N, C-alpha and C. Protein backbone atom coordinates (compact mmCIF):
# COMPACT_ATOMS: atom_id res chain seq x y z
N UNK A 1 0.84 -1.19 0.00
CA UNK A 1 0.00 0.00 0.00
C UNK A 1 0.88 1.24 0.00
N UNK A 2 0.60 2.22 -0.81
CA UNK A 2 1.35 3.45 -0.86
C UNK A 2 1.24 4.18 0.46
N UNK A 3 2.34 4.88 0.91
CA UNK A 3 2.26 5.61 2.16
C UNK A 3 1.27 6.75 2.11
N UNK A 4 0.84 7.17 0.90
CA UNK A 4 -0.15 8.23 0.78
C UNK A 4 -1.55 7.69 0.56
N UNK A 5 -1.70 6.37 0.63
CA UNK A 5 -3.02 5.78 0.44
C UNK A 5 -3.96 6.23 1.53
N UNK A 6 -5.23 6.56 1.21
CA UNK A 6 -6.15 7.06 2.23
C UNK A 6 -6.66 5.98 3.17
N UNK A 7 -6.40 4.71 2.89
CA UNK A 7 -6.90 3.64 3.73
C UNK A 7 -5.76 2.89 4.39
N UNK A 8 -5.98 2.48 5.63
CA UNK A 8 -4.98 1.70 6.35
C UNK A 8 -5.72 0.61 7.11
N UNK A 9 -5.87 -0.57 6.51
CA UNK A 9 -6.74 -1.58 7.09
C UNK A 9 -6.20 -2.26 8.34
N UNK A 10 -4.88 -2.30 8.51
CA UNK A 10 -4.30 -2.99 9.65
C UNK A 10 -3.80 -1.96 10.66
N UNK A 11 -4.34 -1.99 11.87
CA UNK A 11 -3.95 -1.06 12.91
C UNK A 11 -2.83 -1.65 13.76
N UNK A 12 -1.97 -0.79 14.27
CA UNK A 12 -0.87 -1.24 15.13
C UNK A 12 -1.25 -1.23 16.60
N UNK A 13 -2.51 -0.96 16.89
CA UNK A 13 -2.96 -0.88 18.27
C UNK A 13 -4.37 -1.43 18.38
N UNK A 14 -4.76 -1.72 19.60
CA UNK A 14 -6.13 -2.12 19.91
C UNK A 14 -6.66 -1.16 20.96
N UNK A 15 -7.79 -0.55 20.70
CA UNK A 15 -8.36 0.39 21.67
C UNK A 15 -8.84 -0.38 22.89
N UNK A 16 -8.40 0.08 24.05
CA UNK A 16 -8.79 -0.55 25.31
C UNK A 16 -9.65 0.42 26.11
N UNK A 17 -10.54 -0.13 26.87
CA UNK A 17 -11.39 0.70 27.71
C UNK A 17 -10.73 0.96 29.04
N UNK A 18 -9.84 1.95 29.08
CA UNK A 18 -9.15 2.26 30.32
C UNK A 18 -10.00 3.16 31.21
N UNK A 19 -9.86 2.95 32.52
CA UNK A 19 -10.63 3.76 33.47
C UNK A 19 -9.91 5.07 33.74
N UNK A 20 -10.63 6.16 33.66
CA UNK A 20 -10.08 7.47 33.92
C UNK A 20 -10.12 7.77 35.41
N UNK A 21 -8.97 8.17 35.98
CA UNK A 21 -8.95 8.62 37.35
C UNK A 21 -9.52 10.03 37.44
N UNK A 22 -9.91 10.46 38.65
CA UNK A 22 -10.51 11.79 38.78
C UNK A 22 -9.57 12.92 38.36
N UNK A 23 -8.27 12.75 38.67
CA UNK A 23 -7.32 13.78 38.26
C UNK A 23 -7.15 13.86 36.75
N UNK A 24 -7.16 12.69 36.10
CA UNK A 24 -7.07 12.66 34.64
C UNK A 24 -8.30 13.27 34.00
N UNK A 25 -9.48 12.94 34.54
CA UNK A 25 -10.71 13.48 33.99
C UNK A 25 -10.77 15.00 34.18
N UNK A 26 -10.34 15.47 35.33
CA UNK A 26 -10.35 16.91 35.58
C UNK A 26 -9.39 17.62 34.62
N UNK A 27 -8.21 17.03 34.40
CA UNK A 27 -7.26 17.63 33.46
C UNK A 27 -7.82 17.64 32.05
N UNK A 28 -8.51 16.55 31.68
CA UNK A 28 -9.10 16.48 30.35
C UNK A 28 -10.16 17.57 30.18
N UNK A 29 -10.97 17.75 31.20
CA UNK A 29 -12.04 18.75 31.12
C UNK A 29 -11.49 20.18 31.12
N UNK A 30 -10.48 20.43 31.96
CA UNK A 30 -10.00 21.79 32.14
C UNK A 30 -8.93 22.19 31.12
N UNK A 31 -8.05 21.27 30.78
CA UNK A 31 -6.93 21.60 29.90
C UNK A 31 -7.09 21.09 28.48
N UNK A 32 -7.99 20.10 28.30
CA UNK A 32 -8.19 19.55 26.96
C UNK A 32 -8.51 20.59 25.90
N UNK A 33 -9.43 21.54 26.17
CA UNK A 33 -9.76 22.52 25.13
C UNK A 33 -8.58 23.35 24.66
N UNK A 34 -7.58 23.53 25.53
CA UNK A 34 -6.41 24.33 25.14
C UNK A 34 -5.32 23.50 24.48
N UNK A 35 -5.09 22.29 24.99
CA UNK A 35 -3.91 21.54 24.58
C UNK A 35 -4.20 20.36 23.64
N UNK A 36 -5.44 19.93 23.51
CA UNK A 36 -5.78 18.82 22.62
C UNK A 36 -6.30 19.39 21.30
N UNK A 37 -5.64 19.02 20.22
CA UNK A 37 -6.03 19.50 18.89
C UNK A 37 -6.94 18.48 18.23
N UNK A 38 -8.04 18.91 17.62
CA UNK A 38 -8.89 17.96 16.91
C UNK A 38 -8.20 17.46 15.65
N UNK A 39 -8.49 16.23 15.29
CA UNK A 39 -7.96 15.72 14.03
C UNK A 39 -8.52 16.53 12.87
N UNK A 40 -7.67 16.80 11.88
CA UNK A 40 -8.12 17.50 10.68
C UNK A 40 -7.41 16.92 9.48
N UNK A 41 -7.95 17.15 8.32
CA UNK A 41 -7.41 16.57 7.09
C UNK A 41 -6.55 17.55 6.32
N UNK A 42 -6.10 18.60 6.97
CA UNK A 42 -5.19 19.57 6.36
C UNK A 42 -4.00 19.78 7.30
N UNK A 43 -2.83 20.13 6.76
CA UNK A 43 -1.64 20.27 7.61
C UNK A 43 -1.78 21.40 8.63
N UNK A 44 -1.26 21.14 9.81
CA UNK A 44 -1.24 22.15 10.86
C UNK A 44 -0.24 23.25 10.53
N UNK A 45 -0.56 24.45 10.97
CA UNK A 45 0.38 25.56 10.96
C UNK A 45 1.04 25.57 12.33
N UNK A 46 2.23 25.01 12.44
CA UNK A 46 2.85 24.85 13.75
C UNK A 46 3.17 26.19 14.41
N UNK A 47 3.48 27.21 13.62
CA UNK A 47 3.73 28.52 14.22
C UNK A 47 2.48 29.04 14.91
N UNK A 48 1.33 28.79 14.31
CA UNK A 48 0.07 29.20 14.91
C UNK A 48 -0.27 28.32 16.12
N UNK A 49 -0.03 27.01 15.99
CA UNK A 49 -0.36 26.08 17.07
C UNK A 49 0.40 26.41 18.35
N UNK A 50 1.70 26.71 18.22
CA UNK A 50 2.54 26.94 19.40
C UNK A 50 2.74 28.42 19.71
N UNK A 51 2.22 29.28 18.85
CA UNK A 51 2.34 30.71 19.10
C UNK A 51 3.71 31.28 18.85
N UNK A 52 4.55 30.53 18.16
CA UNK A 52 5.91 30.99 17.87
C UNK A 52 6.52 30.06 16.84
N UNK A 53 7.60 30.50 16.25
CA UNK A 53 8.32 29.64 15.31
C UNK A 53 9.35 28.83 16.08
N UNK A 54 9.25 27.51 16.00
CA UNK A 54 10.15 26.63 16.74
C UNK A 54 10.20 25.28 16.05
N UNK A 55 11.28 24.53 16.24
CA UNK A 55 11.30 23.15 15.73
C UNK A 55 10.24 22.34 16.45
N UNK A 56 9.67 21.36 15.74
CA UNK A 56 8.59 20.54 16.29
C UNK A 56 8.98 19.07 16.22
N UNK A 57 8.81 18.37 17.33
CA UNK A 57 9.05 16.94 17.43
C UNK A 57 7.72 16.25 17.69
N UNK A 58 7.43 15.22 16.92
CA UNK A 58 6.20 14.45 17.08
C UNK A 58 6.53 13.15 17.81
N UNK A 59 5.76 12.85 18.86
CA UNK A 59 5.92 11.58 19.55
C UNK A 59 4.69 10.71 19.32
N UNK A 60 4.92 9.48 18.94
CA UNK A 60 3.85 8.54 18.64
C UNK A 60 3.64 7.59 19.81
N UNK A 61 2.41 7.52 20.30
CA UNK A 61 2.08 6.57 21.35
C UNK A 61 2.79 6.86 22.66
N UNK A 62 2.46 7.99 23.31
CA UNK A 62 3.20 8.40 24.50
C UNK A 62 2.76 7.70 25.78
N UNK A 63 1.79 6.79 25.71
CA UNK A 63 1.37 6.06 26.89
C UNK A 63 0.76 6.98 27.92
N UNK A 64 1.29 6.98 29.15
CA UNK A 64 0.79 7.87 30.20
C UNK A 64 1.51 9.21 30.21
N UNK A 65 2.49 9.39 29.33
CA UNK A 65 3.02 10.71 29.05
C UNK A 65 4.09 11.25 29.97
N UNK A 66 4.57 10.47 30.94
CA UNK A 66 5.55 11.00 31.88
C UNK A 66 6.86 11.37 31.16
N UNK A 67 7.38 10.45 30.35
CA UNK A 67 8.62 10.75 29.62
C UNK A 67 8.43 11.92 28.67
N UNK A 68 7.29 11.98 28.02
CA UNK A 68 6.99 13.08 27.10
C UNK A 68 7.05 14.42 27.82
N UNK A 69 6.40 14.49 28.97
CA UNK A 69 6.38 15.74 29.73
C UNK A 69 7.78 16.12 30.20
N UNK A 70 8.56 15.15 30.63
CA UNK A 70 9.91 15.43 31.11
C UNK A 70 10.80 15.94 29.98
N UNK A 71 10.68 15.34 28.81
CA UNK A 71 11.47 15.80 27.65
C UNK A 71 11.06 17.21 27.27
N UNK A 72 9.75 17.47 27.22
CA UNK A 72 9.27 18.81 26.85
C UNK A 72 9.71 19.86 27.86
N UNK A 73 9.71 19.49 29.15
CA UNK A 73 10.13 20.44 30.17
C UNK A 73 11.60 20.82 30.04
N UNK A 74 12.41 19.87 29.58
CA UNK A 74 13.85 20.12 29.46
C UNK A 74 14.21 20.79 28.13
N UNK A 75 13.26 20.87 27.20
CA UNK A 75 13.52 21.49 25.90
C UNK A 75 12.43 22.53 25.60
N UNK A 76 12.39 23.62 26.37
CA UNK A 76 11.29 24.59 26.23
C UNK A 76 11.27 25.32 24.88
N UNK A 77 12.39 25.32 24.17
CA UNK A 77 12.44 26.00 22.88
C UNK A 77 11.99 25.12 21.72
N UNK A 78 11.58 23.89 22.02
CA UNK A 78 11.07 22.96 21.01
C UNK A 78 9.59 22.71 21.26
N UNK A 79 8.80 22.66 20.20
CA UNK A 79 7.40 22.28 20.32
C UNK A 79 7.27 20.77 20.20
N UNK A 80 6.41 20.18 21.03
CA UNK A 80 6.19 18.73 21.00
C UNK A 80 4.72 18.45 20.71
N UNK A 81 4.50 17.54 19.78
CA UNK A 81 3.15 17.11 19.42
C UNK A 81 3.04 15.63 19.75
N UNK A 82 2.27 15.30 20.78
CA UNK A 82 2.10 13.92 21.20
C UNK A 82 0.84 13.33 20.61
N UNK A 83 0.96 12.12 20.07
CA UNK A 83 -0.17 11.44 19.44
C UNK A 83 -0.45 10.16 20.20
N UNK A 84 -1.68 10.01 20.68
CA UNK A 84 -2.05 8.85 21.48
C UNK A 84 -3.54 8.58 21.26
N UNK A 85 -3.93 7.30 21.24
CA UNK A 85 -5.33 6.95 20.99
C UNK A 85 -6.09 6.69 22.28
N UNK A 86 -5.40 6.48 23.40
CA UNK A 86 -6.09 6.09 24.63
C UNK A 86 -6.38 7.30 25.50
N UNK A 87 -7.63 7.45 25.88
CA UNK A 87 -8.08 8.64 26.60
C UNK A 87 -7.39 8.78 27.95
N UNK A 88 -7.18 7.66 28.66
CA UNK A 88 -6.54 7.74 29.97
C UNK A 88 -5.13 8.33 29.86
N UNK A 89 -4.40 7.95 28.81
CA UNK A 89 -3.07 8.50 28.60
C UNK A 89 -3.10 9.98 28.29
N UNK A 90 -4.09 10.39 27.49
CA UNK A 90 -4.24 11.81 27.18
C UNK A 90 -4.52 12.59 28.46
N UNK A 91 -5.42 12.07 29.30
CA UNK A 91 -5.71 12.73 30.57
C UNK A 91 -4.51 12.81 31.48
N UNK A 92 -3.72 11.73 31.51
CA UNK A 92 -2.53 11.71 32.37
C UNK A 92 -1.50 12.74 31.90
N UNK A 93 -1.29 12.85 30.58
CA UNK A 93 -0.33 13.83 30.08
C UNK A 93 -0.83 15.25 30.31
N UNK A 94 -2.11 15.47 30.15
CA UNK A 94 -2.66 16.79 30.44
C UNK A 94 -2.43 17.17 31.90
N UNK A 95 -2.57 16.21 32.76
CA UNK A 95 -2.33 16.47 34.19
C UNK A 95 -0.88 16.89 34.40
N UNK A 96 0.06 16.23 33.74
CA UNK A 96 1.47 16.59 33.85
C UNK A 96 1.74 17.97 33.24
N UNK A 97 1.06 18.29 32.15
CA UNK A 97 1.19 19.62 31.56
C UNK A 97 0.81 20.69 32.58
N UNK A 98 -0.30 20.45 33.29
CA UNK A 98 -0.74 21.39 34.31
C UNK A 98 0.23 21.48 35.47
N UNK A 99 0.73 20.33 35.94
CA UNK A 99 1.64 20.31 37.08
C UNK A 99 2.96 21.03 36.77
N UNK A 100 3.46 20.86 35.53
CA UNK A 100 4.75 21.42 35.16
C UNK A 100 4.64 22.78 34.48
N UNK A 101 3.43 23.23 34.21
CA UNK A 101 3.23 24.51 33.56
C UNK A 101 3.79 24.56 32.14
N UNK A 102 3.62 23.48 31.40
CA UNK A 102 4.19 23.40 30.06
C UNK A 102 3.31 24.15 29.05
N UNK A 103 3.96 24.86 28.14
CA UNK A 103 3.20 25.50 27.06
C UNK A 103 3.72 25.11 25.68
N UNK A 104 4.67 24.16 25.64
CA UNK A 104 5.27 23.74 24.38
C UNK A 104 4.86 22.34 23.98
N UNK A 105 3.71 21.91 24.47
CA UNK A 105 3.24 20.55 24.21
C UNK A 105 1.77 20.57 23.81
N UNK A 106 1.46 19.87 22.71
CA UNK A 106 0.09 19.72 22.25
C UNK A 106 -0.17 18.24 21.99
N UNK A 107 -1.44 17.85 21.97
CA UNK A 107 -1.83 16.44 21.88
C UNK A 107 -2.87 16.28 20.78
N UNK A 108 -2.77 15.18 20.05
CA UNK A 108 -3.82 14.76 19.12
C UNK A 108 -4.22 13.34 19.51
N UNK A 109 -5.48 13.13 19.78
CA UNK A 109 -5.96 11.79 20.09
C UNK A 109 -6.52 11.16 18.81
N UNK A 110 -5.63 10.47 18.11
CA UNK A 110 -6.01 9.89 16.82
C UNK A 110 -4.92 8.93 16.38
N UNK A 111 -5.19 8.19 15.34
CA UNK A 111 -4.23 7.26 14.76
C UNK A 111 -3.02 8.03 14.21
N UNK A 112 -1.81 7.62 14.61
CA UNK A 112 -0.61 8.37 14.28
C UNK A 112 -0.32 8.39 12.78
N UNK A 113 -0.60 7.30 12.08
CA UNK A 113 -0.33 7.28 10.65
C UNK A 113 -1.21 8.31 9.94
N UNK A 114 -2.46 8.39 10.33
CA UNK A 114 -3.36 9.38 9.72
C UNK A 114 -2.96 10.80 10.10
N UNK A 115 -2.47 10.98 11.32
CA UNK A 115 -1.98 12.31 11.72
C UNK A 115 -0.79 12.70 10.85
N UNK A 116 0.17 11.81 10.69
CA UNK A 116 1.32 12.10 9.85
C UNK A 116 0.91 12.41 8.42
N UNK A 117 0.00 11.61 7.91
CA UNK A 117 -0.40 11.75 6.51
C UNK A 117 -1.18 13.04 6.26
N UNK A 118 -2.10 13.37 7.17
CA UNK A 118 -3.03 14.47 6.93
C UNK A 118 -2.63 15.78 7.61
N UNK A 119 -2.11 15.71 8.83
CA UNK A 119 -1.94 16.91 9.63
C UNK A 119 -0.52 17.47 9.62
N UNK A 120 0.42 16.75 9.02
CA UNK A 120 1.82 17.19 9.01
C UNK A 120 2.28 17.36 7.57
N UNK A 121 2.74 18.53 7.25
CA UNK A 121 3.23 18.79 5.90
C UNK A 121 4.60 18.16 5.69
N UNK A 122 4.95 17.77 4.46
CA UNK A 122 6.29 17.27 4.19
C UNK A 122 7.35 18.27 4.64
N UNK A 123 8.38 17.75 5.29
CA UNK A 123 9.49 18.58 5.72
C UNK A 123 9.22 19.44 6.94
N UNK A 124 8.11 19.20 7.66
CA UNK A 124 7.71 20.10 8.73
C UNK A 124 8.29 19.75 10.09
N UNK A 125 8.79 18.53 10.28
CA UNK A 125 9.19 18.08 11.60
C UNK A 125 10.71 18.10 11.80
N UNK A 126 11.11 18.41 13.04
CA UNK A 126 12.52 18.32 13.41
C UNK A 126 12.87 16.94 13.94
N UNK A 127 11.85 16.17 14.33
CA UNK A 127 12.11 14.84 14.86
C UNK A 127 10.85 14.05 15.07
N UNK A 128 11.01 12.73 15.17
CA UNK A 128 9.91 11.82 15.47
C UNK A 128 10.41 10.84 16.53
N UNK A 129 9.65 10.70 17.61
CA UNK A 129 9.98 9.76 18.68
C UNK A 129 8.94 8.64 18.73
N UNK A 130 9.41 7.43 18.90
CA UNK A 130 8.55 6.26 19.07
C UNK A 130 9.22 5.37 20.12
N UNK A 131 8.71 5.42 21.34
CA UNK A 131 9.33 4.70 22.44
C UNK A 131 8.45 3.54 22.90
N UNK A 132 8.99 2.34 22.83
CA UNK A 132 8.35 1.13 23.33
C UNK A 132 6.96 0.88 22.74
N UNK A 133 6.89 0.84 21.40
CA UNK A 133 5.61 0.48 20.78
C UNK A 133 5.28 -0.98 21.02
N UNK A 134 4.03 -1.34 20.86
CA UNK A 134 3.60 -2.73 21.03
C UNK A 134 4.41 -3.60 20.07
N UNK A 135 5.15 -4.61 20.60
CA UNK A 135 5.98 -5.43 19.71
C UNK A 135 5.22 -6.51 18.95
N UNK A 136 3.95 -6.73 19.31
CA UNK A 136 3.16 -7.79 18.66
C UNK A 136 4.04 -9.03 18.48
N UNK A 137 4.39 -9.70 19.58
CA UNK A 137 5.41 -10.76 19.51
C UNK A 137 5.01 -12.01 18.73
N UNK A 138 3.71 -12.32 18.68
CA UNK A 138 3.31 -13.53 17.95
C UNK A 138 3.48 -13.32 16.44
N UNK A 139 4.01 -14.34 15.78
CA UNK A 139 4.34 -14.19 14.37
C UNK A 139 3.13 -13.79 13.53
N UNK A 140 1.96 -14.33 13.86
CA UNK A 140 0.77 -14.00 13.06
C UNK A 140 0.34 -12.55 13.23
N UNK A 141 0.90 -11.88 14.24
CA UNK A 141 0.55 -10.47 14.48
C UNK A 141 1.63 -9.51 14.00
N UNK A 142 2.71 -10.01 13.42
CA UNK A 142 3.81 -9.12 13.01
C UNK A 142 3.34 -8.06 12.02
N UNK A 143 2.32 -8.35 11.25
CA UNK A 143 1.82 -7.36 10.30
C UNK A 143 1.25 -6.13 11.00
N UNK A 144 0.94 -6.26 12.30
CA UNK A 144 0.43 -5.13 13.06
C UNK A 144 1.54 -4.19 13.57
N UNK A 145 2.76 -4.62 13.50
CA UNK A 145 3.85 -3.76 13.97
C UNK A 145 3.87 -2.46 13.17
N UNK A 146 4.02 -1.37 13.89
CA UNK A 146 3.96 -0.06 13.25
C UNK A 146 5.15 0.18 12.33
N UNK A 147 6.33 -0.29 12.73
CA UNK A 147 7.54 0.02 11.96
C UNK A 147 7.65 -0.93 10.78
N UNK A 148 7.11 -0.47 9.66
CA UNK A 148 7.15 -1.17 8.38
C UNK A 148 7.63 -0.16 7.33
N UNK A 149 8.12 -0.62 6.17
CA UNK A 149 8.65 0.32 5.18
C UNK A 149 7.70 1.45 4.77
N UNK A 150 6.42 1.21 4.51
CA UNK A 150 5.56 2.34 4.12
C UNK A 150 5.47 3.42 5.20
N UNK A 151 5.36 2.98 6.46
CA UNK A 151 5.30 3.95 7.56
C UNK A 151 6.59 4.75 7.66
N UNK A 152 7.73 4.10 7.57
CA UNK A 152 9.00 4.79 7.69
C UNK A 152 9.20 5.76 6.54
N UNK A 153 8.76 5.39 5.35
CA UNK A 153 8.86 6.30 4.21
C UNK A 153 8.01 7.55 4.44
N UNK A 154 6.79 7.36 4.91
CA UNK A 154 5.90 8.48 5.21
C UNK A 154 6.53 9.38 6.27
N UNK A 155 7.02 8.78 7.32
CA UNK A 155 7.65 9.51 8.41
C UNK A 155 8.85 10.32 7.90
N UNK A 156 9.70 9.69 7.10
CA UNK A 156 10.90 10.36 6.61
C UNK A 156 10.54 11.57 5.75
N UNK A 157 9.49 11.45 4.97
CA UNK A 157 9.08 12.57 4.13
C UNK A 157 8.60 13.76 4.96
N UNK A 158 8.10 13.51 6.16
CA UNK A 158 7.61 14.60 7.01
C UNK A 158 8.74 15.28 7.78
N UNK A 159 9.94 14.73 7.75
CA UNK A 159 11.08 15.32 8.44
C UNK A 159 11.78 16.36 7.56
N UNK A 160 12.24 17.42 8.18
CA UNK A 160 13.12 18.36 7.50
C UNK A 160 14.50 17.73 7.35
N UNK A 161 15.29 18.14 6.36
CA UNK A 161 16.66 17.63 6.26
C UNK A 161 17.40 17.85 7.57
N UNK A 162 18.07 16.80 8.04
CA UNK A 162 18.75 16.85 9.31
C UNK A 162 17.90 16.47 10.50
N UNK A 163 16.58 16.32 10.27
CA UNK A 163 15.69 15.91 11.35
C UNK A 163 15.99 14.49 11.80
N UNK A 164 15.61 14.17 13.04
CA UNK A 164 15.99 12.88 13.60
C UNK A 164 14.80 11.96 13.80
N UNK A 165 15.10 10.67 13.75
CA UNK A 165 14.16 9.60 14.10
C UNK A 165 14.76 8.88 15.30
N UNK A 166 13.99 8.80 16.37
CA UNK A 166 14.47 8.10 17.57
C UNK A 166 13.44 7.07 17.98
N UNK A 167 13.78 5.79 17.82
CA UNK A 167 12.94 4.68 18.24
C UNK A 167 13.63 3.97 19.40
N UNK A 168 12.82 3.37 20.27
CA UNK A 168 13.38 2.54 21.34
C UNK A 168 12.42 1.39 21.62
N UNK A 169 12.98 0.22 21.93
CA UNK A 169 12.17 -0.95 22.24
C UNK A 169 12.94 -1.87 23.19
N UNK A 170 12.18 -2.63 23.97
CA UNK A 170 12.80 -3.63 24.84
C UNK A 170 12.56 -5.04 24.33
N UNK A 171 12.17 -5.15 23.06
CA UNK A 171 11.89 -6.45 22.45
C UNK A 171 12.91 -6.66 21.33
N UNK A 172 13.88 -7.53 21.52
CA UNK A 172 15.01 -7.62 20.59
C UNK A 172 14.60 -7.96 19.16
N UNK A 173 13.70 -8.93 18.92
CA UNK A 173 13.34 -9.19 17.53
C UNK A 173 12.74 -7.97 16.83
N UNK A 174 11.96 -7.19 17.56
CA UNK A 174 11.41 -5.97 16.96
C UNK A 174 12.52 -4.94 16.74
N UNK A 175 13.47 -4.86 17.67
CA UNK A 175 14.60 -3.95 17.49
C UNK A 175 15.36 -4.27 16.21
N UNK A 176 15.56 -5.56 15.97
CA UNK A 176 16.28 -5.97 14.76
C UNK A 176 15.48 -5.64 13.51
N UNK A 177 14.14 -5.79 13.58
CA UNK A 177 13.31 -5.42 12.44
C UNK A 177 13.37 -3.91 12.21
N UNK A 178 13.28 -3.13 13.30
CA UNK A 178 13.37 -1.68 13.18
C UNK A 178 14.68 -1.27 12.52
N UNK A 179 15.79 -1.87 12.97
CA UNK A 179 17.09 -1.52 12.41
C UNK A 179 17.14 -1.82 10.92
N UNK A 180 16.60 -2.96 10.51
CA UNK A 180 16.62 -3.31 9.11
C UNK A 180 15.77 -2.35 8.28
N UNK A 181 14.55 -2.06 8.76
CA UNK A 181 13.66 -1.18 8.01
C UNK A 181 14.23 0.23 7.91
N UNK A 182 14.74 0.76 9.01
CA UNK A 182 15.31 2.11 8.98
C UNK A 182 16.56 2.16 8.11
N UNK A 183 17.38 1.12 8.18
CA UNK A 183 18.63 1.10 7.39
C UNK A 183 18.35 1.05 5.90
N UNK A 184 17.23 0.45 5.52
CA UNK A 184 16.89 0.34 4.10
C UNK A 184 16.12 1.54 3.58
N UNK A 185 15.76 2.48 4.46
CA UNK A 185 15.02 3.67 4.02
C UNK A 185 15.98 4.62 3.31
N UNK A 186 15.71 4.96 2.05
CA UNK A 186 16.67 5.78 1.29
C UNK A 186 16.82 7.20 1.80
N UNK A 187 15.86 7.71 2.57
CA UNK A 187 15.93 9.09 3.04
C UNK A 187 16.57 9.22 4.42
N UNK A 188 16.95 8.09 5.01
CA UNK A 188 17.48 8.11 6.37
C UNK A 188 18.90 7.56 6.44
N UNK A 189 19.64 8.04 7.43
CA UNK A 189 21.02 7.57 7.64
C UNK A 189 21.21 7.31 9.13
N UNK A 190 21.81 6.17 9.45
CA UNK A 190 22.07 5.81 10.83
C UNK A 190 23.16 6.72 11.41
N UNK A 191 22.95 7.19 12.64
CA UNK A 191 23.96 8.00 13.30
C UNK A 191 24.97 7.15 14.06
N UNK A 192 24.72 5.85 14.11
CA UNK A 192 25.61 4.93 14.84
C UNK A 192 25.92 3.73 13.96
N UNK A 193 26.82 2.91 14.43
CA UNK A 193 27.11 1.66 13.75
C UNK A 193 26.19 0.59 14.35
N UNK A 194 24.94 0.59 13.91
CA UNK A 194 23.95 -0.31 14.47
C UNK A 194 23.06 0.42 15.45
N UNK A 195 22.90 -0.14 16.65
CA UNK A 195 22.08 0.51 17.66
C UNK A 195 22.85 1.64 18.32
N UNK A 196 22.08 2.59 18.90
CA UNK A 196 22.69 3.79 19.49
C UNK A 196 22.67 3.70 21.01
N UNK A 197 23.53 4.46 21.64
CA UNK A 197 23.44 4.66 23.08
C UNK A 197 22.19 5.50 23.37
N UNK A 198 21.58 5.25 24.52
CA UNK A 198 20.40 6.05 24.87
C UNK A 198 20.79 7.51 25.02
N UNK A 199 20.17 8.41 24.21
CA UNK A 199 20.47 9.83 24.39
C UNK A 199 20.05 10.32 25.77
N UNK A 200 20.76 11.28 26.29
CA UNK A 200 20.51 11.76 27.65
C UNK A 200 19.11 12.33 27.81
N UNK A 201 18.52 12.83 26.72
CA UNK A 201 17.20 13.46 26.85
C UNK A 201 16.08 12.44 27.05
N UNK A 202 16.33 11.16 26.71
CA UNK A 202 15.26 10.16 26.90
C UNK A 202 15.36 9.59 28.31
N UNK A 203 14.43 9.94 29.20
CA UNK A 203 14.51 9.44 30.58
C UNK A 203 14.16 7.97 30.67
N UNK A 204 14.73 7.31 31.66
CA UNK A 204 14.36 5.93 31.94
C UNK A 204 12.99 5.90 32.60
N UNK A 205 12.12 5.04 32.09
CA UNK A 205 10.83 4.84 32.74
C UNK A 205 11.01 3.86 33.90
N UNK A 206 10.04 3.83 34.82
CA UNK A 206 10.10 2.88 35.92
C UNK A 206 10.12 1.45 35.39
N UNK A 207 9.31 1.18 34.38
CA UNK A 207 9.25 -0.15 33.78
C UNK A 207 10.61 -0.52 33.19
N UNK A 208 11.22 0.44 32.48
CA UNK A 208 12.51 0.18 31.85
C UNK A 208 13.60 -0.05 32.89
N UNK A 209 13.61 0.78 33.93
CA UNK A 209 14.61 0.62 34.99
C UNK A 209 14.49 -0.74 35.66
N UNK A 210 13.27 -1.17 35.90
CA UNK A 210 13.05 -2.48 36.52
C UNK A 210 13.56 -3.59 35.60
N UNK A 211 13.28 -3.45 34.30
CA UNK A 211 13.74 -4.46 33.35
C UNK A 211 15.25 -4.53 33.25
N UNK A 212 15.90 -3.36 33.26
CA UNK A 212 17.36 -3.35 33.20
C UNK A 212 17.98 -4.01 34.42
N UNK A 213 17.36 -3.79 35.58
CA UNK A 213 17.86 -4.44 36.80
C UNK A 213 17.74 -5.95 36.72
N UNK A 214 16.78 -6.43 35.95
CA UNK A 214 16.58 -7.87 35.78
C UNK A 214 17.39 -8.43 34.61
N UNK A 215 18.18 -7.56 33.98
CA UNK A 215 19.03 -8.01 32.88
C UNK A 215 18.38 -7.96 31.51
N UNK A 216 17.23 -7.32 31.42
CA UNK A 216 16.56 -7.21 30.12
C UNK A 216 17.24 -6.11 29.29
N UNK A 217 17.22 -6.28 27.98
CA UNK A 217 17.86 -5.31 27.11
C UNK A 217 16.90 -4.22 26.65
N UNK A 218 17.46 -3.08 26.29
CA UNK A 218 16.73 -1.98 25.66
C UNK A 218 17.58 -1.50 24.49
N UNK A 219 16.93 -1.30 23.36
CA UNK A 219 17.64 -0.91 22.15
C UNK A 219 17.11 0.43 21.64
N UNK A 220 18.03 1.38 21.46
CA UNK A 220 17.69 2.69 20.89
C UNK A 220 18.21 2.74 19.46
N UNK A 221 17.46 3.40 18.61
CA UNK A 221 17.87 3.62 17.22
C UNK A 221 17.72 5.10 16.91
N UNK A 222 18.78 5.70 16.36
CA UNK A 222 18.78 7.12 16.08
C UNK A 222 19.28 7.35 14.66
N UNK A 223 18.36 7.80 13.82
CA UNK A 223 18.66 8.06 12.40
C UNK A 223 18.42 9.53 12.08
N UNK A 224 19.06 9.98 10.99
CA UNK A 224 18.91 11.36 10.53
C UNK A 224 18.32 11.38 9.12
N UNK A 225 17.53 12.39 8.86
CA UNK A 225 16.98 12.62 7.52
C UNK A 225 18.07 13.20 6.65
N UNK A 226 18.32 12.57 5.52
CA UNK A 226 19.35 13.03 4.58
C UNK A 226 18.86 14.30 3.89
């Protein structure tokens, strides 16, 4: 399927009915109108969205948003656009936005591929982050993995020259697939000889720290747009 095809029959996620805590619901009600952008079929004007001209990094599937908020807090001169389909995660990140007083972070609750295709103009992004996506470990589910050649091609086209792609996973077979797909993308170049060291800006999550203590591996991949 072409990366510009309007249909995407296989989703990389399953919508779950997560329970919203009172703090998440309050953040959604109070901060959602300001920080959550509705899905649209035309590219965003990032200067208008953030109220200033700044590089913009898109994060796909931010989960509960703690790492996203911490990265945004440490890089106030960069705009961050977080894309997540689960309402509880959106509420949790909004709560962190309120607690930290962030103004450089916006959220879209929608499918990330459609957001990239419709809401982001070619060459508009300074970076794309994808941390710990669902590895879909069973072989019959591998087609659901987000990191496939059409997706990477679409993503690369949305990056400005010199823009970065940063993926991370704790599932080695998926890490190896990511490395192969990214290495074969003609618009991208690896910044390392294989996997990369974790950049200082990506904080360790509690889950990741626990896994490392148990001897589990984590693989980072950092590529640049040619």
